[in-house]
């Protein structure tokens, strides 16, 4: 199977001693799957799903086939442990996508596969088959992504070309971080050391698809590990949640 993205790197030196880098990536001929996880450090049933998603790349399901994003929601924080990765916007997104599919229950851990509720359990065979089926599809859009990093920021430029007329298509950009861990001292996971990957630090969009490029600046906190940061771009329809294409590029600064 051919890789879904080709990545080139160019190191650009500025006038002083500071260095910046530009990375570029473009989607390929196969459609990449979007797997979204809604989770929380305050939920005692979440760690097994967190570990399962973290293991997917080692099982042959890397970003050339499926891009995974983990949104930490904030509605578990009242139980005594405030998840440091949780954001109210991720809770709002979860409620919105569940309303779109007419799902009356909002829960964690919840997996969404290409905008649809995925309740097949932690079955490697099933997810492999689902992703393989999507990878055989022709993408509904092409994505070109460029990242320009400098001290404390990541400038992102994305160009999208639709393969069909879809006035409801929007572009999302997600900055996410791998290899995170916390020692939880309260709540349902008290005493546990929890490890996470694909943790979304910021979600931007939806941006309308047009002829011009979309630009967005991510401010990068000093505590974030730049070597473990990536940006995902995905095109999704508002009415149905259908995903037309997904692309991920790693920080190269």
C-alpha atoms as a PDB file:
ATOM      1  CA  UNK A   1       0.000   0.000   0.000  1.00  0.00           C
ATOM      2  CA  UNK A   2       1.394   3.376  -0.947  1.00  0.00           C
ATOM      3  CA  UNK A   3       1.833   5.930   1.837  1.00  0.00           C
ATOM      4  CA  UNK A   4      -0.867   8.574   2.035  1.00  0.00           C
ATOM      5  CA  UNK A   5       1.481  11.477   2.567  1.00  0.00           C
ATOM      6  CA  UNK A   6       4.828  12.575   1.273  1.00  0.00           C
ATOM      7  CA  UNK A   7       6.837  14.823   3.574  1.00  0.00           C
ATOM      8  CA  UNK A   8       9.725  17.095   2.774  1.00  0.00           C
ATOM      9  CA  UNK A   9      11.752  19.111   5.229  1.00  0.00           C
ATOM     10  CA  UNK A  10      13.710  22.314   4.773  1.00  0.00           C
ATOM     11  CA  UNK A  11      15.664  24.049   7.528  1.00  0.00           C
ATOM     12  CA  UNK A  12      15.613  27.826   7.266  1.00  0.00           C
ATOM     13  CA  UNK A  13      18.008  29.931   9.335  1.00  0.00           C
ATOM     14  CA  UNK A  14      16.908  33.396  10.394  1.00  0.00           C
ATOM     15  CA  UNK A  15      19.101  36.483  10.570  1.00  0.00           C
ATOM     16  CA  UNK A  16      20.188  35.879  14.164  1.00  0.00           C
ATOM     17  CA  UNK A  17      21.075  32.763  16.080  1.00  0.00           C
ATOM     18  CA  UNK A  18      17.479  31.553  16.210  1.00  0.00           C
ATOM     19  CA  UNK A  19      16.494  28.765  13.837  1.00  0.00           C
ATOM     20  CA  UNK A  20      13.170  27.997  12.230  1.00  0.00           C
ATOM     21  CA  UNK A  21      11.991  25.066  10.151  1.00  0.00           C
ATOM     22  CA  UNK A  22       9.393  24.513   7.479  1.00  0.00           C
ATOM     23  CA  UNK A  23       7.756  21.130   6.960  1.00  0.00           C
ATOM     24  CA  UNK A  24       5.369  20.305   4.137  1.00  0.00           C
ATOM     25  CA  UNK A  25       3.078  17.349   3.586  1.00  0.00           C
ATOM     26  CA  UNK A  26       0.474  16.412   1.002  1.00  0.00           C
ATOM     27  CA  UNK A  27      -2.235  13.766   0.995  1.00  0.00           C
ATOM     28  CA  UNK A  28      -2.084  10.878  -1.440  1.00  0.00           C
ATOM     29  CA  UNK A  29      -4.399   8.764  -3.552  1.00  0.00           C
ATOM     30  CA  UNK A  30      -5.856   6.764  -0.662  1.00  0.00           C
ATOM     31  CA  UNK A  31      -8.337   8.020   1.887  1.00  0.00           C
ATOM     32  CA  UNK A  32      -7.015   8.193   5.419  1.00  0.00           C
ATOM     33  CA  UNK A  33      -9.330   7.409   8.350  1.00  0.00           C
ATOM     34  CA  UNK A  34     -10.053   9.777  11.238  1.00  0.00           C
ATOM     35  CA  UNK A  35     -10.329   8.137  14.674  1.00  0.00           C
ATOM     36  CA  UNK A  36     -11.405  10.467  17.489  1.00  0.00           C
ATOM     37  CA  UNK A  37     -11.327   9.532  21.163  1.00  0.00           C
ATOM     38  CA  UNK A  38     -13.196  11.388  23.894  1.00  0.00           C
ATOM     39  CA  UNK A  39     -11.547  10.596  27.207  1.00  0.00           C
ATOM     40  CA  UNK A  40     -10.644  11.918  30.661  1.00  0.00           C
ATOM     41  CA  UNK A  41      -8.134  11.247  33.420  1.00  0.00           C
ATOM     42  CA  UNK A  42     -11.058  11.383  35.840  1.00  0.00           C
ATOM     43  CA  UNK A  43     -12.764   8.361  34.258  1.00  0.00           C
ATOM     44  CA  UNK A  44     -11.660   4.939  35.542  1.00  0.00           C
ATOM     45  CA  UNK A  45     -12.857   3.137  32.391  1.00  0.00           C
ATOM     46  CA  UNK A  46     -10.810   5.364  30.075  1.00  0.00           C
ATOM     47  CA  UNK A  47      -7.205   4.105  30.562  1.00  0.00           C
ATOM     48  CA  UNK A  48      -7.697   0.787  28.643  1.00  0.00           C
ATOM     49  CA  UNK A  49      -8.991   2.677  25.603  1.00  0.00           C
ATOM     50  CA  UNK A  50      -6.166   5.215  25.899  1.00  0.00           C
ATOM     51  CA  UNK A  51      -3.646   2.357  25.873  1.00  0.00           C
ATOM     52  CA  UNK A  52      -5.397   0.671  22.941  1.00  0.00           C
ATOM     53  CA  UNK A  53      -5.264   3.764  20.760  1.00  0.00           C
ATOM     54  CA  UNK A  54      -1.626   4.396  21.723  1.00  0.00           C
ATOM     55  CA  UNK A  55      -0.725   0.899  20.496  1.00  0.00           C
ATOM     56  CA  UNK A  56      -2.299   1.265  17.036  1.00  0.00           C
ATOM     57  CA  UNK A  57       0.833   2.615  15.242  1.00  0.00           C
ATOM     58  CA  UNK A  58       2.893  -0.345  16.464  1.00  0.00           C
ATOM     59  CA  UNK A  59       0.221  -2.631  14.992  1.00  0.00           C
ATOM     60  CA  UNK A  60       0.559  -1.174  11.513  1.00  0.00           C
ATOM     61  CA  UNK A  61      -2.052   1.564  11.846  1.00  0.00           C
ATOM     62  CA  UNK A  62       0.094   4.670  11.591  1.00  0.00           C
ATOM     63  CA  UNK A  63      -0.818   8.157  10.400  1.00  0.00           C
ATOM     64  CA  UNK A  64      -0.520   7.103   6.757  1.00  0.00           C
ATOM     65  CA  UNK A  65      -3.651   4.982   7.318  1.00  0.00           C
ATOM     66  CA  UNK A  66      -5.448   6.461  10.333  1.00  0.00           C
ATOM     67  CA  UNK A  67      -4.994   9.750  12.178  1.00  0.00           C
ATOM     68  CA  UNK A  68      -5.979   9.480  15.835  1.00  0.00           C
ATOM     69  CA  UNK A  69      -6.981  12.492  17.940  1.00  0.00           C
ATOM     70  CA  UNK A  70      -7.718  12.330  21.673  1.00  0.00           C
ATOM     71  CA  UNK A  71      -9.948  15.029  23.135  1.00  0.00           C
ATOM     72  CA  UNK A  72      -9.912  15.273  26.939  1.00  0.00           C
ATOM     73  CA  UNK A  73     -13.319  16.496  28.126  1.00  0.00           C
ATOM     74  CA  UNK A  74     -13.886  18.530  31.283  1.00  0.00           C
ATOM     75  CA  UNK A  75     -17.119  17.139  32.742  1.00  0.00           C
ATOM     76  CA  UNK A  76     -15.237  14.633  34.926  1.00  0.00           C
ATOM     77  CA  UNK A  77     -13.248  17.345  36.700  1.00  0.00           C
ATOM     78  CA  UNK A  78     -15.811  17.771  39.474  1.00  0.00           C
ATOM     79  CA  UNK A  79     -14.917  14.365  40.989  1.00  0.00           C
ATOM     80  CA  UNK A  80     -11.738  15.666  42.591  1.00  0.00           C
ATOM     81  CA  UNK A  81      -9.168  15.430  39.803  1.00  0.00           C
ATOM     82  CA  UNK A  82      -8.825  18.205  37.232  1.00  0.00           C
ATOM     83  CA  UNK A  83      -7.561  16.717  34.005  1.00  0.00           C
ATOM     84  CA  UNK A  84      -4.784  19.105  32.845  1.00  0.00           C
ATOM     85  CA  UNK A  85      -5.503  18.270  29.199  1.00  0.00           C
ATOM     86  CA  UNK A  86      -9.266  18.838  29.407  1.00  0.00           C
ATOM     87  CA  UNK A  87     -10.979  21.707  27.614  1.00  0.00           C
ATOM     88  CA  UNK A  88     -14.586  22.856  27.585  1.00  0.00           C
ATOM     89  CA  UNK A  89     -14.431  23.127  23.792  1.00  0.00           C
ATOM     90  CA  UNK A  90     -13.820  19.384  23.504  1.00  0.00           C
ATOM     91  CA  UNK A  91     -16.895  18.715  25.632  1.00  0.00           C
ATOM     92  CA  UNK A  92     -18.866  21.028  23.346  1.00  0.00           C
ATOM     93  CA  UNK A  93     -17.580  19.188  20.276  1.00  0.00           C
ATOM     94  CA  UNK A  94     -18.546  15.827  21.735  1.00  0.00           C
ATOM     95  CA  UNK A  95     -22.068  17.038  22.471  1.00  0.00           C
ATOM     96  CA  UNK A  96     -22.354  18.507  18.979  1.00  0.00           C
ATOM     97  CA  UNK A  97     -21.219  15.379  17.129  1.00  0.00           C
ATOM     98  CA  UNK A  98     -23.484  13.172  19.240  1.00  0.00           C
ATOM     99  CA  UNK A  99     -26.438  15.456  18.512  1.00  0.00           C
ATOM    100  CA  UNK A 100     -25.617  15.213  14.805  1.00  0.00           C
ATOM    101  CA  UNK A 101     -25.879  11.429  14.864  1.00  0.00           C
ATOM    102  CA  UNK A 102     -28.905  11.599  17.211  1.00  0.00           C
ATOM    103  CA  UNK A 103     -27.113   9.836  20.013  1.00  0.00           C
ATOM    104  CA  UNK A 104     -28.779  10.782  23.297  1.00  0.00           C
ATOM    105  CA  UNK A 105     -25.898   9.602  25.489  1.00  0.00           C
ATOM    106  CA  UNK A 106     -22.588  11.429  25.913  1.00  0.00           C
ATOM    107  CA  UNK A 107     -20.025   9.217  27.606  1.00  0.00           C
ATOM    108  CA  UNK A 108     -16.347   8.373  27.991  1.00  0.00           C
ATOM    109  CA  UNK A 109     -14.464   6.677  26.611  1.00  0.00           C
ATOM    110  CA  UNK A 110     -16.123   7.278  23.264  1.00  0.00           C
ATOM    111  CA  UNK A 111     -14.568   6.483  19.900  1.00  0.00           C
ATOM    112  CA  UNK A 112     -15.755   8.152  16.701  1.00  0.00           C
ATOM    113  CA  UNK A 113     -14.649   6.643  13.390  1.00  0.00           C
ATOM    114  CA  UNK A 114     -14.997   9.099  10.512  1.00  0.00           C
ATOM    115  CA  UNK A 115     -17.670  11.025  12.365  1.00  0.00           C
ATOM    116  CA  UNK A 116     -19.718   7.995  13.430  1.00  0.00           C
ATOM    117  CA  UNK A 117     -20.021   6.331  16.828  1.00  0.00           C
ATOM    118  CA  UNK A 118     -17.712   3.291  16.998  1.00  0.00           C
ATOM    119  CA  UNK A 119     -18.870   0.721  19.562  1.00  0.00           C
ATOM    120  CA  UNK A 120     -17.105  -2.453  18.469  1.00  0.00           C
ATOM    121  CA  UNK A 121     -14.968  -2.653  21.581  1.00  0.00           C
ATOM    122  CA  UNK A 122     -11.192  -2.821  21.560  1.00  0.00           C
ATOM    123  CA  UNK A 123     -11.011  -5.314  18.712  1.00  0.00           C
ATOM    124  CA  UNK A 124      -7.858  -5.034  16.633  1.00  0.00           C
ATOM    125  CA  UNK A 125      -9.273  -7.186  13.830  1.00  0.00           C
ATOM    126  CA  UNK A 126     -12.411  -5.090  13.451  1.00  0.00           C
ATOM    127  CA  UNK A 127     -10.586  -1.745  13.416  1.00  0.00           C
ATOM    128  CA  UNK A 128      -8.027  -3.099  10.944  1.00  0.00           C
ATOM    129  CA  UNK A 129     -10.799  -4.200   8.597  1.00  0.00           C
ATOM    130  CA  UNK A 130     -12.669  -0.901   8.933  1.00  0.00           C
ATOM    131  CA  UNK A 131      -9.558   1.159   8.250  1.00  0.00           C
ATOM    132  CA  UNK A 132      -8.494  -1.040   5.343  1.00  0.00           C
ATOM    133  CA  UNK A 133     -11.921  -0.535   3.778  1.00  0.00           C
ATOM    134  CA  UNK A 134     -11.645   3.253   4.097  1.00  0.00           C
ATOM    135  CA  UNK A 135      -8.089   3.235   2.724  1.00  0.00           C
ATOM    136  CA  UNK A 136      -9.411   1.640  -0.475  1.00  0.00           C
ATOM    137  CA  UNK A 137     -11.743   4.568  -1.069  1.00  0.00           C
ATOM    138  CA  UNK A 138     -10.889   7.552  -3.223  1.00  0.00           C
ATOM    139  CA  UNK A 139     -10.519  10.711  -1.149  1.00  0.00           C
ATOM    140  CA  UNK A 140     -13.096  13.438  -1.465  1.00  0.00           C
ATOM    141  CA  UNK A 141     -10.419  16.117  -1.138  1.00  0.00           C
ATOM    142  CA  UNK A 142      -6.704  16.766  -1.463  1.00  0.00           C
ATOM    143  CA  UNK A 143      -4.841  18.447   1.395  1.00  0.00           C
ATOM    144  CA  UNK A 144      -1.490  20.261   1.309  1.00  0.00           C
ATOM    145  CA  UNK A 145      -0.100  21.252   4.691  1.00  0.00           C
ATOM    146  CA  UNK A 146       2.878  23.467   5.564  1.00  0.00           C
ATOM    147  CA  UNK A 147       4.228  24.074   9.064  1.00  0.00           C
ATOM    148  CA  UNK A 148       6.628  26.882   9.894  1.00  0.00           C
ATOM    149  CA  UNK A 149       8.000  26.749  13.407  1.00  0.00           C
ATOM    150  CA  UNK A 150       9.685  29.469  15.400  1.00  0.00           C
ATOM    151  CA  UNK A 151      10.169  30.213  19.077  1.00  0.00           C
ATOM    152  CA  UNK A 152       6.852  29.769  20.856  1.00  0.00           C
ATOM    153  CA  UNK A 153       4.680  29.384  17.769  1.00  0.00           C
ATOM    154  CA  UNK A 154       3.745  27.155  14.877  1.00  0.00           C
ATOM    155  CA  UNK A 155       2.420  28.839  11.728  1.00  0.00           C
ATOM    156  CA  UNK A 156       0.182  26.477   9.768  1.00  0.00           C
ATOM    157  CA  UNK A 157      -0.929  26.859   6.162  1.00  0.00           C
ATOM    158  CA  UNK A 158      -3.328  24.423   4.527  1.00  0.00           C
ATOM    159  CA  UNK A 159      -4.696  24.249   0.996  1.00  0.00           C
ATOM    160  CA  UNK A 160      -7.694  22.050   0.194  1.00  0.00           C
ATOM    161  CA  UNK A 161      -9.022  20.976  -3.185  1.00  0.00           C
ATOM    162  CA  UNK A 162     -12.423  19.307  -3.202  1.00  0.00           C
ATOM    163  CA  UNK A 163     -13.172  16.535  -5.689  1.00  0.00           C
ATOM    164  CA  UNK A 164     -16.885  17.313  -5.618  1.00  0.00           C
ATOM    165  CA  UNK A 165     -19.143  20.239  -4.851  1.00  0.00           C
ATOM    166  CA  UNK A 166     -19.800  20.333  -1.123  1.00  0.00           C
ATOM    167  CA  UNK A 167     -20.808  23.702   0.279  1.00  0.00           C
ATOM    168  CA  UNK A 168     -20.935  22.257   3.781  1.00  0.00           C
ATOM    169  CA  UNK A 169     -17.325  21.064   3.915  1.00  0.00           C
ATOM    170  CA  UNK A 170     -15.098  22.618   6.563  1.00  0.00           C
ATOM    171  CA  UNK A 171     -11.424  22.300   7.430  1.00  0.00           C
ATOM    172  CA  UNK A 172     -10.194  21.584  10.954  1.00  0.00           C
ATOM    173  CA  UNK A 173      -6.647  21.876  12.276  1.00  0.00           C
ATOM    174  CA  UNK A 174      -5.598  20.018  15.418  1.00  0.00           C
ATOM    175  CA  UNK A 175      -2.284  20.445  17.232  1.00  0.00           C
ATOM    176  CA  UNK A 176      -1.634  17.294  19.239  1.00  0.00           C
ATOM    177  CA  UNK A 177       1.092  15.858  21.435  1.00  0.00           C
ATOM    178  CA  UNK A 178       2.359  12.328  22.084  1.00  0.00           C
ATOM    179  CA  UNK A 179       4.160  10.697  25.011  1.00  0.00           C
ATOM    180  CA  UNK A 180       2.383  12.454  27.863  1.00  0.00           C
ATOM    181  CA  UNK A 181       1.936  11.087  31.377  1.00  0.00           C
ATOM    182  CA  UNK A 182       0.479  12.086  34.738  1.00  0.00           C
ATOM    183  CA  UNK A 183       0.486  10.696  38.252  1.00  0.00           C
ATOM    184  CA  UNK A 184      -3.142  11.039  39.321  1.00  0.00           C
ATOM    185  CA  UNK A 185      -3.622  11.854  43.010  1.00  0.00           C
ATOM    186  CA  UNK A 186      -7.413  12.070  43.277  1.00  0.00           C
ATOM    187  CA  UNK A 187     -10.645  10.960  41.657  1.00  0.00           C
ATOM    188  CA  UNK A 188     -11.495   7.567  40.165  1.00  0.00           C
ATOM    189  CA  UNK A 189      -7.906   6.950  38.974  1.00  0.00           C
ATOM    190  CA  UNK A 190      -6.240   7.964  42.236  1.00  0.00           C
ATOM    191  CA  UNK A 191      -2.758   6.458  42.584  1.00  0.00           C
ATOM    192  CA  UNK A 192      -2.438   5.541  38.893  1.00  0.00           C
ATOM    193  CA  UNK A 193       0.151   6.780  36.420  1.00  0.00           C
ATOM    194  CA  UNK A 194      -1.687   7.455  33.183  1.00  0.00           C
ATOM    195  CA  UNK A 195       0.022   7.679  29.797  1.00  0.00           C
ATOM    196  CA  UNK A 196      -1.464   9.339  26.730  1.00  0.00           C
ATOM    197  CA  UNK A 197      -0.822   9.860  23.033  1.00  0.00           C
ATOM    198  CA  UNK A 198      -2.548  11.991  20.363  1.00  0.00           C
ATOM    199  CA  UNK A 199      -3.641  14.515  23.015  1.00  0.00           C
ATOM    200  CA  UNK A 200      -5.193  17.510  21.253  1.00  0.00           C
ATOM    201  CA  UNK A 201      -3.739  20.746  22.598  1.00  0.00           C
ATOM    202  CA  UNK A 202      -5.741  23.009  20.323  1.00  0.00           C
ATOM    203  CA  UNK A 203      -8.492  22.486  17.780  1.00  0.00           C
ATOM    204  CA  UNK A 204      -9.095  25.235  15.213  1.00  0.00           C
ATOM    205  CA  UNK A 205     -11.947  25.467  12.740  1.00  0.00           C
ATOM    206  CA  UNK A 206     -14.074  24.821  10.900  1.00  0.00           C
ATOM    207  CA  UNK A 207     -12.595  27.005   8.188  1.00  0.00           C
ATOM    208  CA  UNK A 208     -14.504  27.309   4.899  1.00  0.00           C
ATOM    209  CA  UNK A 209     -12.983  25.653   1.863  1.00  0.00           C
ATOM    210  CA  UNK A 210     -12.061  28.183  -0.798  1.00  0.00           C
ATOM    211  CA  UNK A 211      -9.539  28.993  -3.470  1.00  0.00           C
ATOM    212  CA  UNK A 212      -7.137  30.677  -1.061  1.00  0.00           C
ATOM    213  CA  UNK A 213      -4.974  29.034   1.574  1.00  0.00           C
ATOM    214  CA  UNK A 214      -6.055  28.800   5.213  1.00  0.00           C
ATOM    215  CA  UNK A 215      -3.567  30.030   7.780  1.00  0.00           C
ATOM    216  CA  UNK A 216      -3.579  29.563  11.537  1.00  0.00           C
ATOM    217  CA  UNK A 217      -1.032  30.296  14.254  1.00  0.00           C
ATOM    218  CA  UNK A 218      -0.719  27.856  17.141  1.00  0.00           C
ATOM    219  CA  UNK A 219       0.873  29.335  20.249  1.00  0.00           C
ATOM    220  CA  UNK A 220       3.076  26.665  21.811  1.00  0.00           C
ATOM    221  CA  UNK A 221       3.383  26.564  25.589  1.00  0.00           C
ATOM    222  CA  UNK A 222       6.917  26.181  27.000  1.00  0.00           C
ATOM    223  CA  UNK A 223       5.921  22.933  28.727  1.00  0.00           C
ATOM    224  CA  UNK A 224       4.910  21.230  25.479  1.00  0.00           C
ATOM    225  CA  UNK A 225       7.513  18.893  23.980  1.00  0.00           C
ATOM    226  CA  UNK A 226       7.976  20.160  20.435  1.00  0.00           C
ATOM    227  CA  UNK A 227       9.603  16.906  19.302  1.00  0.00           C
ATOM    228  CA  UNK A 228       6.311  15.134  20.108  1.00  0.00           C
ATOM    229  CA  UNK A 229       3.965  17.643  18.454  1.00  0.00           C
ATOM    230  CA  UNK A 230       2.074  17.098  15.208  1.00  0.00           C
ATOM    231  CA  UNK A 231      -0.639  18.909  13.285  1.00  0.00           C
ATOM    232  CA  UNK A 232      -3.587  17.119  11.706  1.00  0.00           C
ATOM    233  CA  UNK A 233      -5.767  18.663   9.015  1.00  0.00           C
ATOM    234  CA  UNK A 234      -9.097  17.093   8.125  1.00  0.00           C
ATOM    235  CA  UNK A 235     -11.985  17.999   5.852  1.00  0.00           C
ATOM    236  CA  UNK A 236     -15.438  17.160   7.199  1.00  0.00           C
ATOM    237  CA  UNK A 237     -18.997  17.929   6.130  1.00  0.00           C
ATOM    238  CA  UNK A 238     -21.130  19.804   8.643  1.00  0.00           C
ATOM    239  CA  UNK A 239     -24.438  18.048   8.030  1.00  0.00           C
ATOM    240  CA  UNK A 240     -23.367  14.395   8.163  1.00  0.00           C
ATOM    241  CA  UNK A 241     -19.867  14.420   9.680  1.00  0.00           C
ATOM    242  CA  UNK A 242     -18.481  12.618   6.625  1.00  0.00           C
ATOM    243  CA  UNK A 243     -14.704  12.869   6.461  1.00  0.00           C
ATOM    244  CA  UNK A 244     -13.330  13.577   2.984  1.00  0.00           C
ATOM    245  CA  UNK A 245      -9.615  13.351   3.788  1.00  0.00           C
ATOM    246  CA  UNK A 246      -7.145  13.549   6.681  1.00  0.00           C
ATOM    247  CA  UNK A 247      -3.462  14.455   6.812  1.00  0.00           C
ATOM    248  CA  UNK A 248      -0.930  14.664   9.627  1.00  0.00           C
ATOM    249  CA  UNK A 249       2.532  16.242   9.718  1.00  0.00           C
ATOM    250  CA  UNK A 250       5.025  16.158  12.587  1.00  0.00           C
ATOM    251  CA  UNK A 251       6.860  19.158  13.999  1.00  0.00           C
ATOM    252  CA  UNK A 252      10.255  19.431  12.358  1.00  0.00           C
ATOM    253  CA  UNK A 253      11.792  22.332  14.268  1.00  0.00           C
END
